[in-house]
Amino acid sequence: MSLIAQMLAERGHDVTWWTSTFDHTHKRQRFPEHTRVEVGENLVLQLLLARPYSSNISIARLRNHREAAKAFEEMAEAANSVERPDVIFATMPTVELAAAAARFGAKHEIPVI
């Protein structure tokens, strides 16, 4: 996903990459709240706060995925129509966040890939 985001940004497209504040590899929070990070020209990371988990196989991990998806839905709906994307590229993981992005796209007639 990062290569696609970087390539699109380098070609002049405004890219917002939505992901969790939780670093799943190192099992730690990157930020204590929803955080927007301008990575470079035309590329923004929008990090969604979700509770941490310590085991990949756990209810806590499922809760984390659900919380990030819920945060996306709330924040995306709060954005005004000018801030809405022209297209949504919904990748996995997580299934919950990709599904939330697909629902948002369908609701607002935004194409979803």
Foldseek 3Di string as FASTA:
>chain_A
DVVVLVVCQVVPAQDEAEEAQADPVVQDGVDPAFDWDDPDRNYIYTHHYFDTDDDPPDVSVVRRLQRSLVRCLVVQVPDDPVPDDQAAEQDDDPPSNSVSVVVVCVVVVHHYD
